[in-house]
């Protein structure tokens, strides 16, 4: 993910070390290697805060947990530089929360509408480049809105049509959906991982209407 952010392309996982050496040798003067290590350390802390939920701010931690529940690891090359902007106070906490919510919305709507996920890694790799720092949120929204075909952000009407027929019982993001419903406007978050799906969506043919 770090190399994806720095090079603008997704490295082959089995060649990460070679790709990293190429990145350093091609872009970094030998005397600044300490700065490279410092930069890796900084981004690794961002990663830990987001992915391992070590974020100290409770609102942000909860928001990043939503991303984790959606199992959308390919979004981190986008979130890493955004988090870097947040740490540099380019954007506020409120703006970061809205950005997380936007991405959550984008990924979840697509999963409900059955749009294949194989394009998401490249979408997220390029998405940060669409942001204009002087108009951060609006430029991101415009970029998401302009995505078309299999990269599209499903509209309200498309989402509403598909969610009523979705096989939620066998849905990959079932627990995310149930958690969102259960915790809507709740002050104390309920962990639905402890729930049994049969209590919520019983598969009994003899149920009354």
Foldseek 3Di string as FASTA:
>chain_A
DVCLLVVLDDDDPVCVVVSVVCCCVVPPDPVCVVVVVVVVVVLVVVCCCQAVVPPPDPLNSVLSVLVVLLVCVLLVSQVSVVVVCCVVVLDDPVLNSVVSVVVSQQSVLCLLLVQDCPCVNNCNSCLNVQADSVHGNVSSVVSQCPDDDSSHRDDPVSSVVRNVVGPLVPRSSNQSVVQCVVCPVNPDRDRCVPPDVCVVPNPDPPDDD
